[in-house]
C-alpha cells in the first residue's frame, strides 16, 4: 500500500477521534492535502515552495498543524515501525 493511501486510511479515523478542536471543512480533497504534506516532508522544501499541483500552502500547512497537534504523525510512524 502506498504512503498516501495508508495516511488517508489513518486520517479518516483520526479526524473522527481527535481530542482537539476540529478544523473547518476544506473544499480540498484529503488525498490532495496529505499528498502536499508528504511532498513537503519528503523534499524538505519550505511551505511557500509547495508545488502548484497541491492545494494552497496555507491550507496544507493549517491541516498539517492540526494533524501534528493531535499526534497524527506519531501514530503513523508508530504503525509503520511496528509493520517491520
C-alpha atoms as a PDB file:
ATOM      1  CA  UNK A   1       0.000   0.000   0.000  1.00  0.00           C
ATOM      2  CA  UNK A   2       1.388   3.448  -0.863  1.00  0.00           C
ATOM      3  CA  UNK A   3       2.139   6.058   1.778  1.00  0.00           C
ATOM      4  CA  UNK A   4      -0.701   8.383   0.757  1.00  0.00           C
ATOM      5  CA  UNK A   5      -3.241   5.551   0.854  1.00  0.00           C
ATOM      6  CA  UNK A   6      -2.083   4.462   4.316  1.00  0.00           C
ATOM      7  CA  UNK A   7      -2.225   8.026   5.603  1.00  0.00           C
ATOM      8  CA  UNK A   8      -5.698   8.512   4.115  1.00  0.00           C
ATOM      9  CA  UNK A   9      -6.939   5.415   5.875  1.00  0.00           C
ATOM     10  CA  UNK A  10      -5.496   6.584   9.183  1.00  0.00           C
ATOM     11  CA  UNK A  11      -6.605  10.215   8.689  1.00  0.00           C
ATOM     12  CA  UNK A  12     -10.266   9.323   8.377  1.00  0.00           C
ATOM     13  CA  UNK A  13     -10.195   7.660  11.778  1.00  0.00           C
ATOM     14  CA  UNK A  14      -8.017  10.389  13.268  1.00  0.00           C
ATOM     15  CA  UNK A  15     -10.375  13.193  12.231  1.00  0.00           C
ATOM     16  CA  UNK A  16     -13.269  11.418  13.945  1.00  0.00           C
ATOM     17  CA  UNK A  17     -11.455  10.699  17.225  1.00  0.00           C
ATOM     18  CA  UNK A  18      -9.075  13.681  17.604  1.00  0.00           C
ATOM     19  CA  UNK A  19      -9.294  15.301  21.021  1.00  0.00           C
ATOM     20  CA  UNK A  20      -8.551  18.751  19.611  1.00  0.00           C
ATOM     21  CA  UNK A  21     -10.725  21.444  18.107  1.00  0.00           C
ATOM     22  CA  UNK A  22     -11.696  20.369  14.575  1.00  0.00           C
ATOM     23  CA  UNK A  23     -10.604  22.466  11.621  1.00  0.00           C
ATOM     24  CA  UNK A  24     -13.024  23.869   9.096  1.00  0.00           C
ATOM     25  CA  UNK A  25     -14.177  21.527   6.402  1.00  0.00           C
ATOM     26  CA  UNK A  26     -11.963  22.058   3.385  1.00  0.00           C
ATOM     27  CA  UNK A  27     -13.019  22.267  -0.238  1.00  0.00           C
ATOM     28  CA  UNK A  28      -9.876  20.266  -0.989  1.00  0.00           C
ATOM     29  CA  UNK A  29      -9.778  16.501  -1.091  1.00  0.00           C
ATOM     30  CA  UNK A  30      -7.983  14.864   1.860  1.00  0.00           C
ATOM     31  CA  UNK A  31      -5.760  12.980  -0.606  1.00  0.00           C
ATOM     32  CA  UNK A  32      -4.521  16.282  -2.033  1.00  0.00           C
ATOM     33  CA  UNK A  33      -3.875  17.707   1.440  1.00  0.00           C
ATOM     34  CA  UNK A  34      -1.953  14.643   2.628  1.00  0.00           C
ATOM     35  CA  UNK A  35      -0.082  14.491  -0.673  1.00  0.00           C
ATOM     36  CA  UNK A  36       1.061  18.085  -0.098  1.00  0.00           C
ATOM     37  CA  UNK A  37       2.178  17.285   3.443  1.00  0.00           C
ATOM     38  CA  UNK A  38       4.151  14.270   2.263  1.00  0.00           C
ATOM     39  CA  UNK A  39       5.708  16.318  -0.555  1.00  0.00           C
ATOM     40  CA  UNK A  40       6.968  18.888   1.977  1.00  0.00           C
ATOM     41  CA  UNK A  41       8.259  16.206   4.347  1.00  0.00           C
ATOM     42  CA  UNK A  42       9.916  14.239   1.539  1.00  0.00           C
ATOM     43  CA  UNK A  43      11.594  17.182  -0.193  1.00  0.00           C
ATOM     44  CA  UNK A  44      12.403  19.294   2.851  1.00  0.00           C
ATOM     45  CA  UNK A  45      11.169  22.326   0.931  1.00  0.00           C
ATOM     46  CA  UNK A  46       9.769  25.430   2.578  1.00  0.00           C
ATOM     47  CA  UNK A  47       5.994  25.761   2.720  1.00  0.00           C
ATOM     48  CA  UNK A  48       5.997  28.643   0.255  1.00  0.00           C
ATOM     49  CA  UNK A  49       7.654  26.316  -2.286  1.00  0.00           C
ATOM     50  CA  UNK A  50       4.793  23.800  -2.233  1.00  0.00           C
ATOM     51  CA  UNK A  51       4.170  22.529  -5.752  1.00  0.00           C
ATOM     52  CA  UNK A  52       1.174  24.027  -7.582  1.00  0.00           C
ATOM     53  CA  UNK A  53      -0.274  20.533  -8.053  1.00  0.00           C
ATOM     54  CA  UNK A  54      -1.381  20.659  -4.404  1.00  0.00           C
ATOM     55  CA  UNK A  55      -3.837  22.928  -2.574  1.00  0.00           C
ATOM     56  CA  UNK A  56      -2.612  26.364  -1.410  1.00  0.00           C
ATOM     57  CA  UNK A  57       0.286  26.184   1.025  1.00  0.00           C
ATOM     58  CA  UNK A  58      -1.702  27.945   3.757  1.00  0.00           C
ATOM     59  CA  UNK A  59      -4.429  25.294   3.564  1.00  0.00           C
ATOM     60  CA  UNK A  60      -1.992  22.372   3.602  1.00  0.00           C
ATOM     61  CA  UNK A  61       0.018  23.968   6.417  1.00  0.00           C
ATOM     62  CA  UNK A  62      -3.087  24.581   8.545  1.00  0.00           C
ATOM     63  CA  UNK A  63      -4.141  20.941   8.183  1.00  0.00           C
ATOM     64  CA  UNK A  64      -0.560  19.824   8.874  1.00  0.00           C
ATOM     65  CA  UNK A  65      -0.586  21.815  12.133  1.00  0.00           C
ATOM     66  CA  UNK A  66      -3.926  20.250  13.088  1.00  0.00           C
ATOM     67  CA  UNK A  67      -2.617  16.727  12.478  1.00  0.00           C
ATOM     68  CA  UNK A  68       0.679  17.449  14.230  1.00  0.00           C
ATOM     69  CA  UNK A  69      -1.018  18.898  17.323  1.00  0.00           C
ATOM     70  CA  UNK A  70      -3.243  15.841  17.597  1.00  0.00           C
ATOM     71  CA  UNK A  71      -0.373  13.346  17.351  1.00  0.00           C
ATOM     72  CA  UNK A  72      -1.287  12.008  13.908  1.00  0.00           C
ATOM     73  CA  UNK A  73       2.289  11.768  12.639  1.00  0.00           C
ATOM     74  CA  UNK A  74       3.475   9.949  15.744  1.00  0.00           C
ATOM     75  CA  UNK A  75       0.682   7.436  15.200  1.00  0.00           C
ATOM     76  CA  UNK A  76       1.649   6.986  11.529  1.00  0.00           C
ATOM     77  CA  UNK A  77       5.300   6.470  12.464  1.00  0.00           C
ATOM     78  CA  UNK A  78       4.356   4.007  15.215  1.00  0.00           C
ATOM     79  CA  UNK A  79       2.232   1.995  12.775  1.00  0.00           C
ATOM     80  CA  UNK A  80       4.993   1.913  10.152  1.00  0.00           C
ATOM     81  CA  UNK A  81       7.644   0.900  12.669  1.00  0.00           C
ATOM     82  CA  UNK A  82       5.550  -1.983  14.013  1.00  0.00           C
ATOM     83  CA  UNK A  83       4.980  -3.270  10.493  1.00  0.00           C
ATOM     84  CA  UNK A  84       8.691  -4.107  10.065  1.00  0.00           C
END
